[in-house]
N, C-alpha and C. Protein backbone atom coordinates (compact mmCIF):
# COMPACT_ATOMS: atom_id res chain seq x y z
N MET A 1 -39.35 -8.88 15.07
CA MET A 1 -39.18 -8.48 13.71
C MET A 1 -38.24 -7.20 13.48
N ALA A 2 -37.19 -7.50 12.93
CA ALA A 2 -36.27 -6.28 12.61
C ALA A 2 -36.52 -5.63 11.33
N TYR A 3 -36.53 -4.47 11.32
CA TYR A 3 -36.94 -3.53 10.27
C TYR A 3 -35.69 -3.05 9.49
N GLN A 4 -35.66 -3.05 8.24
CA GLN A 4 -34.69 -2.67 7.39
C GLN A 4 -34.67 -1.29 7.07
N CYS A 5 -33.47 -0.73 6.88
CA CYS A 5 -33.11 0.76 6.66
C CYS A 5 -33.81 0.95 5.28
N LEU A 6 -34.51 2.13 4.93
CA LEU A 6 -35.24 2.62 3.89
C LEU A 6 -34.29 2.86 2.83
N PHE A 7 -33.13 3.21 3.04
CA PHE A 7 -32.10 3.70 2.00
C PHE A 7 -31.12 2.58 1.56
N CYS A 8 -30.54 1.91 2.57
CA CYS A 8 -29.61 0.93 1.91
C CYS A 8 -30.23 -0.46 1.80
N GLU A 9 -31.30 -0.74 2.55
CA GLU A 9 -32.04 -1.96 2.63
C GLU A 9 -31.29 -3.11 3.10
N GLU A 10 -30.23 -2.97 3.84
CA GLU A 10 -29.38 -4.11 4.25
C GLU A 10 -29.43 -4.17 5.72
N ARG A 11 -29.17 -3.01 6.46
CA ARG A 11 -28.80 -2.96 7.98
C ARG A 11 -30.38 -2.71 8.56
N THR A 12 -30.02 -2.78 9.98
CA THR A 12 -31.51 -2.75 10.39
C THR A 12 -31.55 -1.42 11.08
N ARG A 13 -32.81 -0.75 11.06
CA ARG A 13 -32.84 0.45 11.61
C ARG A 13 -32.63 0.63 13.02
N THR A 14 -32.31 1.98 13.60
CA THR A 14 -32.12 2.13 14.92
C THR A 14 -33.34 1.91 15.90
N SER A 15 -34.57 2.27 15.55
CA SER A 15 -35.66 1.91 16.19
C SER A 15 -36.98 1.70 15.18
N TYR A 16 -38.13 1.53 15.98
CA TYR A 16 -39.17 1.31 14.83
C TYR A 16 -39.73 2.69 14.15
N TRP A 17 -39.53 3.67 14.96
CA TRP A 17 -39.92 5.11 14.30
C TRP A 17 -38.82 5.75 13.51
N SER A 18 -37.60 5.19 13.50
CA SER A 18 -36.73 5.69 12.58
C SER A 18 -36.68 5.03 11.17
N ASN A 19 -36.27 5.86 10.20
CA ASN A 19 -36.30 5.23 8.67
C ASN A 19 -34.98 4.58 8.35
N TRP A 20 -33.81 5.15 8.92
CA TRP A 20 -32.56 4.83 8.50
C TRP A 20 -31.58 3.98 9.53
N CYS A 21 -30.70 3.47 9.05
CA CYS A 21 -29.58 2.84 9.85
C CYS A 21 -28.63 4.07 10.38
N PRO A 22 -27.75 3.82 11.32
CA PRO A 22 -26.67 5.02 11.64
C PRO A 22 -26.02 5.43 10.60
N ASP A 23 -25.34 4.75 9.59
CA ASP A 23 -24.61 5.13 8.78
C ASP A 23 -25.40 5.91 7.82
N CYS A 24 -26.63 5.48 7.41
CA CYS A 24 -27.41 6.21 6.37
C CYS A 24 -27.88 7.46 6.85
N SER A 25 -28.25 7.41 8.22
CA SER A 25 -28.81 8.81 8.89
C SER A 25 -27.73 9.84 8.64
N GLN A 26 -26.33 9.29 9.06
CA GLN A 26 -25.32 10.31 9.01
C GLN A 26 -25.08 10.79 7.48
N LEU A 27 -25.14 10.02 6.52
CA LEU A 27 -25.06 10.52 5.08
C LEU A 27 -26.24 11.47 4.90
N ARG A 28 -27.34 11.16 5.43
CA ARG A 28 -28.55 12.09 5.18
C ARG A 28 -28.24 13.51 5.86
N ARG A 29 -27.63 13.50 7.01
CA ARG A 29 -27.53 14.64 7.63
C ARG A 29 -26.42 15.44 7.04
N MET A 30 -25.39 14.78 6.25
CA MET A 30 -24.43 15.38 5.70
C MET A 30 -24.93 16.05 4.41
N LEU A 31 -26.01 15.52 3.84
CA LEU A 31 -26.57 15.94 2.53
C LEU A 31 -27.49 17.18 2.87
N LEU A 32 -27.97 17.27 4.13
CA LEU A 32 -28.76 18.33 4.46
C LEU A 32 -27.92 19.44 4.98
N LEU A 33 -26.77 19.29 5.39
CA LEU A 33 -25.87 20.32 5.82
C LEU A 33 -25.19 20.84 4.68
N TYR A 34 -24.65 20.23 3.65
CA TYR A 34 -23.68 20.57 2.69
C TYR A 34 -24.55 20.63 1.35
N ASP A 35 -24.02 21.08 0.45
CA ASP A 35 -24.69 21.16 -0.77
C ASP A 35 -24.60 19.56 -1.48
N PRO A 36 -25.62 18.97 -1.87
CA PRO A 36 -25.73 17.68 -2.24
C PRO A 36 -24.93 17.53 -3.38
N LYS A 37 -24.64 18.40 -4.47
CA LYS A 37 -24.10 18.38 -5.52
C LYS A 37 -22.40 18.34 -5.15
N LYS A 38 -22.04 18.89 -4.07
CA LYS A 38 -20.70 18.98 -3.58
C LYS A 38 -20.41 17.61 -2.98
N CYS A 39 -21.39 16.98 -2.15
CA CYS A 39 -21.15 15.78 -1.83
C CYS A 39 -20.93 14.83 -2.68
N THR A 40 -21.68 14.47 -3.60
CA THR A 40 -21.82 13.50 -4.70
C THR A 40 -20.48 13.69 -5.44
N ASP A 41 -20.01 14.99 -5.72
CA ASP A 41 -18.63 15.17 -6.52
C ASP A 41 -17.51 14.65 -5.70
N ILE A 42 -17.60 15.00 -4.45
CA ILE A 42 -16.49 14.36 -3.51
C ILE A 42 -16.39 12.90 -3.49
N LEU A 43 -17.57 12.16 -3.23
CA LEU A 43 -17.71 10.86 -3.40
C LEU A 43 -17.29 10.30 -4.83
N LYS A 44 -17.83 10.79 -5.71
CA LYS A 44 -17.35 10.35 -6.93
C LYS A 44 -15.82 10.44 -7.21
N ARG A 45 -15.18 11.54 -6.90
CA ARG A 45 -13.79 11.76 -7.01
C ARG A 45 -12.89 10.93 -6.22
N THR A 46 -13.37 10.57 -4.90
CA THR A 46 -12.59 9.72 -4.01
C THR A 46 -12.99 8.19 -4.12
N LEU A 47 -14.08 7.71 -4.68
CA LEU A 47 -14.49 6.42 -4.38
C LEU A 47 -14.52 5.82 -5.88
N THR A 48 -14.65 6.45 -6.82
CA THR A 48 -14.82 5.79 -8.23
C THR A 48 -13.63 6.12 -8.94
N ARG A 49 -13.06 5.10 -9.70
CA ARG A 49 -11.77 5.23 -10.45
C ARG A 49 -12.16 4.88 -11.88
N ASP A 50 -11.35 5.61 -12.79
CA ASP A 50 -11.37 5.04 -14.25
C ASP A 50 -10.24 4.19 -14.44
N GLU A 51 -10.13 3.43 -15.63
CA GLU A 51 -9.14 2.41 -15.94
C GLU A 51 -7.79 3.16 -15.77
N LYS A 52 -7.55 4.33 -16.20
CA LYS A 52 -6.27 4.97 -16.33
C LYS A 52 -5.63 5.06 -14.91
N GLN A 53 -6.62 5.62 -13.96
CA GLN A 53 -6.15 5.63 -12.45
C GLN A 53 -5.95 4.34 -11.91
N ILE A 54 -6.67 3.38 -12.10
CA ILE A 54 -6.38 2.07 -11.57
C ILE A 54 -5.19 1.59 -12.10
N ASP A 55 -4.81 1.60 -13.24
CA ASP A 55 -3.44 1.14 -13.92
C ASP A 55 -2.36 1.87 -13.08
N TYR A 56 -2.68 3.18 -13.06
CA TYR A 56 -1.42 4.16 -12.52
C TYR A 56 -1.28 3.53 -11.01
N LYS A 57 -2.21 3.43 -10.33
CA LYS A 57 -2.28 3.11 -8.94
C LYS A 57 -1.43 1.49 -8.70
N ILE A 58 -1.79 0.69 -9.81
CA ILE A 58 -1.36 -0.74 -9.81
C ILE A 58 0.21 -0.63 -9.94
N SER A 59 0.77 0.29 -10.83
CA SER A 59 1.97 0.54 -11.15
C SER A 59 2.80 1.01 -9.94
N GLN A 60 2.05 1.96 -9.35
CA GLN A 60 2.84 2.57 -8.23
C GLN A 60 3.05 1.63 -7.10
N GLU A 61 1.97 0.81 -6.95
CA GLU A 61 2.10 -0.17 -5.78
C GLU A 61 3.25 -1.32 -6.23
N GLN A 62 3.32 -1.69 -7.37
CA GLN A 62 4.27 -2.50 -7.85
C GLN A 62 5.85 -1.90 -7.79
N LYS A 63 6.10 -0.71 -8.08
CA LYS A 63 7.17 -0.14 -7.85
C LYS A 63 7.69 0.00 -6.29
N SER A 64 6.49 0.30 -5.57
CA SER A 64 7.03 0.32 -3.90
C SER A 64 7.22 -1.01 -3.57
N LEU A 65 6.61 -1.99 -4.06
CA LEU A 65 7.04 -3.30 -3.55
C LEU A 65 8.43 -3.70 -4.05
N VAL A 66 8.89 -3.38 -5.21
CA VAL A 66 10.08 -3.68 -5.82
C VAL A 66 11.11 -2.78 -5.03
N ASN A 67 10.85 -1.71 -4.84
CA ASN A 67 11.95 -0.84 -3.97
C ASN A 67 11.95 -1.36 -2.64
N LYS A 68 10.97 -1.83 -1.77
CA LYS A 68 10.95 -2.55 -0.55
C LYS A 68 11.76 -3.68 -0.68
N GLU A 69 11.60 -4.58 -1.62
CA GLU A 69 12.55 -5.71 -1.77
C GLU A 69 13.82 -5.62 -2.05
N ILE A 70 14.18 -4.43 -2.66
CA ILE A 70 15.63 -4.11 -2.89
C ILE A 70 16.32 -3.60 -1.64
N THR A 71 15.51 -2.95 -0.83
CA THR A 71 16.13 -2.24 0.31
C THR A 71 16.28 -3.45 1.45
N GLU A 72 15.25 -4.43 1.33
CA GLU A 72 15.48 -5.58 2.37
C GLU A 72 16.58 -6.51 1.86
N ASN A 73 16.96 -6.55 0.71
CA ASN A 73 17.80 -7.64 0.25
C ASN A 73 19.41 -7.07 0.19
N LYS A 74 19.38 -5.60 0.50
CA LYS A 74 20.65 -4.96 0.40
C LYS A 74 21.46 -5.43 1.60
N ASP A 75 22.81 -5.71 1.28
CA ASP A 75 23.81 -6.06 2.25
C ASP A 75 24.13 -4.85 3.26
N ASP A 76 23.69 -5.04 4.56
CA ASP A 76 23.87 -4.12 5.56
C ASP A 76 25.15 -3.65 5.73
N THR A 77 26.17 -4.45 5.70
CA THR A 77 27.65 -4.25 5.71
C THR A 77 28.21 -3.61 4.75
N ASP A 78 27.69 -3.29 3.62
CA ASP A 78 28.18 -2.66 2.36
C ASP A 78 27.77 -0.97 2.73
N GLU A 79 28.78 -0.25 2.99
CA GLU A 79 28.79 1.10 3.11
C GLU A 79 29.58 2.13 2.07
N SER A 80 29.67 1.25 0.98
CA SER A 80 30.35 2.07 -0.34
C SER A 80 29.52 3.16 -0.69
N TYR A 81 28.21 3.08 -0.54
CA TYR A 81 27.37 4.22 -1.00
C TYR A 81 27.30 5.55 -0.14
N ILE A 82 27.75 5.18 1.05
CA ILE A 82 27.71 6.33 1.91
C ILE A 82 29.26 7.14 1.55
N LYS A 83 28.95 8.53 1.22
CA LYS A 83 30.11 9.25 1.17
C LYS A 83 30.21 10.32 2.18
N LYS A 84 31.36 10.20 2.82
CA LYS A 84 31.75 11.14 3.67
C LYS A 84 31.74 12.75 3.48
N PRO A 85 31.00 13.70 3.96
CA PRO A 85 30.93 14.85 3.59
C PRO A 85 32.43 15.79 3.64
N GLU A 86 32.51 16.49 2.83
CA GLU A 86 33.90 17.23 2.91
C GLU A 86 33.73 18.44 3.70
N THR A 87 34.72 18.49 4.76
CA THR A 87 34.82 19.70 5.69
C THR A 87 36.00 20.64 5.33
N ARG A 88 36.27 21.53 6.08
CA ARG A 88 37.49 22.18 5.73
C ARG A 88 38.81 21.63 6.06
N SER A 89 38.84 20.74 6.86
CA SER A 89 40.02 19.97 7.33
C SER A 89 40.19 18.90 6.23
N THR A 90 39.35 18.47 5.50
CA THR A 90 39.58 17.42 4.68
C THR A 90 39.60 17.86 3.15
N LYS A 91 39.15 19.08 2.92
CA LYS A 91 39.46 19.50 1.57
C LYS A 91 40.97 19.59 1.20
N LYS A 92 40.99 19.31 -0.09
CA LYS A 92 42.46 19.45 -0.76
C LYS A 92 42.81 20.80 -0.93
N LYS A 93 43.96 21.31 -0.61
CA LYS A 93 44.32 22.64 -0.85
C LYS A 93 45.33 22.86 -2.22
């Protein structure tokens, strides 16, 4: 019979005498080492998003996809956008 982790209640414990699975025991050790308030603040800031942040991320992803499509569809032989830099020998006197 496999015993479940007492924290997540999904994965199996590492042994009969342990209470947590490897991931939950690592979380527990981090909470013991660092300030629990700081740990939860970091997790909230990185893992949870509000609607404004979700909309912003979606719009940024859409822009990157559109830019990627434009660069992929650009004709490789068209070099009209490249301007040769002016040097002393090419400057008009």
